[in-house]
Amino acid sequence: MSAADDIKNAAEKASGKVKEGVGKVTDNERLEAEGKADQAKADVKQAGENVKDAAKNAFDK
């Protein structure tokens, strides 16, 4: 996985945390849900990248 992908995933997750927090503070359930969804999306992308890396490492040996 490239460092750029790591940064993008971390930024997306951080953005989701901010959205979720703002949604909680403003009592905006939709924004809170969007934040949680953004975080989940970033986690799924990260997991996919980890699988690709593991497969690449397995075949490189």
N, C-alpha and C. Protein backbone atom coordinates (compact mmCIF):
# COMPACT_ATOMS: atom_id res chain seq x y z
N MET A 1 0.84 -1.17 0.00
CA MET A 1 0.00 0.00 0.00
C MET A 1 0.88 1.23 0.00
N SER A 2 0.44 2.20 -0.70
CA SER A 2 1.24 3.41 -0.76
C SER A 2 0.95 4.31 0.44
N ALA A 3 1.89 5.15 0.72
CA ALA A 3 1.72 6.11 1.81
C ALA A 3 0.56 7.04 1.50
N ALA A 4 0.35 7.34 0.23
CA ALA A 4 -0.75 8.22 -0.16
C ALA A 4 -2.10 7.59 0.20
N ASP A 5 -2.23 6.28 0.00
CA ASP A 5 -3.47 5.59 0.38
C ASP A 5 -3.67 5.64 1.89
N ASP A 6 -2.59 5.44 2.62
CA ASP A 6 -2.67 5.51 4.09
C ASP A 6 -3.16 6.88 4.53
N ILE A 7 -2.60 7.91 3.91
CA ILE A 7 -2.98 9.28 4.28
C ILE A 7 -4.43 9.56 3.92
N LYS A 8 -4.84 9.12 2.73
CA LYS A 8 -6.23 9.34 2.31
C LYS A 8 -7.21 8.65 3.27
N ASN A 9 -6.90 7.40 3.62
CA ASN A 9 -7.78 6.66 4.53
C ASN A 9 -7.83 7.31 5.91
N ALA A 10 -6.68 7.76 6.39
CA ALA A 10 -6.65 8.42 7.70
C ALA A 10 -7.41 9.73 7.66
N ALA A 11 -7.28 10.47 6.57
CA ALA A 11 -7.99 11.74 6.43
C ALA A 11 -9.50 11.51 6.36
N GLU A 12 -9.90 10.48 5.64
CA GLU A 12 -11.33 10.18 5.53
C GLU A 12 -11.90 9.77 6.89
N LYS A 13 -11.14 8.98 7.62
CA LYS A 13 -11.58 8.55 8.94
C LYS A 13 -11.66 9.75 9.89
N ALA A 14 -10.66 10.63 9.84
CA ALA A 14 -10.67 11.82 10.70
C ALA A 14 -11.84 12.73 10.35
N SER A 15 -12.09 12.88 9.06
CA SER A 15 -13.22 13.70 8.62
C SER A 15 -14.53 13.12 9.14
N GLY A 16 -14.63 11.81 9.11
CA GLY A 16 -15.83 11.14 9.62
C GLY A 16 -16.00 11.37 11.12
N LYS A 17 -14.90 11.34 11.85
CA LYS A 17 -14.98 11.59 13.30
C LYS A 17 -15.45 13.00 13.58
N VAL A 18 -14.95 13.95 12.78
CA VAL A 18 -15.37 15.35 12.96
C VAL A 18 -16.86 15.48 12.66
N LYS A 19 -17.30 14.90 11.55
CA LYS A 19 -18.73 14.95 11.19
C LYS A 19 -19.58 14.34 12.30
N GLU A 20 -19.15 13.19 12.79
CA GLU A 20 -19.92 12.53 13.85
C GLU A 20 -19.99 13.42 15.08
N GLY A 21 -18.87 14.01 15.46
CA GLY A 21 -18.85 14.88 16.64
C GLY A 21 -19.73 16.10 16.47
N VAL A 22 -19.66 16.73 15.30
CA VAL A 22 -20.51 17.90 15.04
C VAL A 22 -21.97 17.49 15.06
N GLY A 23 -22.26 16.34 14.49
CA GLY A 23 -23.63 15.84 14.50
C GLY A 23 -24.16 15.62 15.89
N LYS A 24 -23.31 15.09 16.78
CA LYS A 24 -23.73 14.87 18.17
C LYS A 24 -23.98 16.20 18.87
N VAL A 25 -23.05 17.13 18.70
CA VAL A 25 -23.15 18.42 19.38
C VAL A 25 -24.38 19.21 18.91
N THR A 26 -24.66 19.14 17.61
CA THR A 26 -25.78 19.90 17.04
C THR A 26 -27.08 19.10 17.03
N ASP A 27 -27.02 17.89 17.54
CA ASP A 27 -28.19 17.00 17.56
C ASP A 27 -28.72 16.75 16.14
N ASN A 28 -27.77 16.59 15.21
CA ASN A 28 -28.10 16.33 13.82
C ASN A 28 -27.79 14.86 13.54
N GLU A 29 -28.83 14.04 13.58
CA GLU A 29 -28.65 12.59 13.43
C GLU A 29 -28.11 12.22 12.05
N ARG A 30 -28.53 12.96 11.02
CA ARG A 30 -28.07 12.65 9.66
C ARG A 30 -26.56 12.87 9.54
N LEU A 31 -26.08 13.99 10.06
CA LEU A 31 -24.65 14.29 10.00
C LEU A 31 -23.85 13.29 10.82
N GLU A 32 -24.38 12.92 11.97
CA GLU A 32 -23.72 11.92 12.82
C GLU A 32 -23.61 10.58 12.07
N ALA A 33 -24.69 10.19 11.41
CA ALA A 33 -24.69 8.94 10.65
C ALA A 33 -23.72 9.00 9.47
N GLU A 34 -23.66 10.16 8.80
CA GLU A 34 -22.71 10.33 7.71
C GLU A 34 -21.28 10.17 8.21
N GLY A 35 -21.00 10.72 9.37
CA GLY A 35 -19.67 10.61 9.95
C GLY A 35 -19.31 9.16 10.25
N LYS A 36 -20.25 8.44 10.83
CA LYS A 36 -20.00 7.03 11.11
C LYS A 36 -19.80 6.23 9.82
N ALA A 37 -20.57 6.57 8.79
CA ALA A 37 -20.44 5.89 7.50
C ALA A 37 -19.08 6.18 6.87
N ASP A 38 -18.63 7.43 6.96
CA ASP A 38 -17.31 7.78 6.41
C ASP A 38 -16.21 7.00 7.11
N GLN A 39 -16.33 6.86 8.42
CA GLN A 39 -15.33 6.10 9.17
C GLN A 39 -15.33 4.63 8.76
N ALA A 40 -16.52 4.08 8.61
CA ALA A 40 -16.64 2.67 8.21
C ALA A 40 -16.05 2.47 6.81
N LYS A 41 -16.33 3.42 5.91
CA LYS A 41 -15.81 3.34 4.55
C LYS A 41 -14.28 3.36 4.56
N ALA A 42 -13.71 4.22 5.38
CA ALA A 42 -12.25 4.29 5.48
C ALA A 42 -11.68 2.99 6.04
N ASP A 43 -12.37 2.41 7.02
CA ASP A 43 -11.91 1.14 7.60
C ASP A 43 -11.94 0.02 6.57
N VAL A 44 -12.99 -0.02 5.75
CA VAL A 44 -13.10 -1.05 4.72
C VAL A 44 -12.00 -0.89 3.68
N LYS A 45 -11.74 0.36 3.28
CA LYS A 45 -10.66 0.61 2.32
C LYS A 45 -9.33 0.16 2.90
N GLN A 46 -9.09 0.47 4.16
CA GLN A 46 -7.83 0.09 4.81
C GLN A 46 -7.70 -1.43 4.86
N ALA A 47 -8.79 -2.11 5.19
CA ALA A 47 -8.76 -3.58 5.25
C ALA A 47 -8.45 -4.16 3.87
N GLY A 48 -9.05 -3.59 2.84
CA GLY A 48 -8.78 -4.05 1.48
C GLY A 48 -7.33 -3.86 1.10
N GLU A 49 -6.76 -2.73 1.47
CA GLU A 49 -5.35 -2.47 1.19
C GLU A 49 -4.46 -3.46 1.95
N ASN A 50 -4.84 -3.77 3.18
CA ASN A 50 -4.08 -4.74 3.97
C ASN A 50 -4.10 -6.12 3.34
N VAL A 51 -5.25 -6.52 2.80
CA VAL A 51 -5.37 -7.82 2.13
C VAL A 51 -4.48 -7.84 0.88
N LYS A 52 -4.52 -6.74 0.11
CA LYS A 52 -3.68 -6.68 -1.09
C LYS A 52 -2.20 -6.78 -0.72
N ASP A 53 -1.81 -6.10 0.35
CA ASP A 53 -0.42 -6.14 0.79
C ASP A 53 -0.02 -7.55 1.24
N ALA A 54 -0.91 -8.20 1.97
CA ALA A 54 -0.62 -9.55 2.46
C ALA A 54 -0.48 -10.51 1.28
N ALA A 55 -1.35 -10.38 0.29
CA ALA A 55 -1.27 -11.27 -0.88
C ALA A 55 0.02 -11.00 -1.66
N LYS A 56 0.36 -9.74 -1.80
CA LYS A 56 1.59 -9.39 -2.52
C LYS A 56 2.81 -9.95 -1.78
N ASN A 57 2.83 -9.81 -0.47
CA ASN A 57 3.96 -10.32 0.33
C ASN A 57 4.04 -11.84 0.27
N ALA A 58 2.89 -12.50 0.24
CA ALA A 58 2.88 -13.96 0.18
C ALA A 58 3.46 -14.46 -1.14
N PHE A 59 3.16 -13.77 -2.23
CA PHE A 59 3.65 -14.20 -3.53
C PHE A 59 5.08 -13.77 -3.79
N ASP A 60 5.55 -12.77 -3.05
CA ASP A 60 6.93 -12.30 -3.22
C ASP A 60 7.94 -13.25 -2.58
N LYS A 61 7.49 -14.09 -1.68
CA LYS A 61 8.41 -14.98 -0.95
C LYS A 61 8.67 -16.24 -1.70
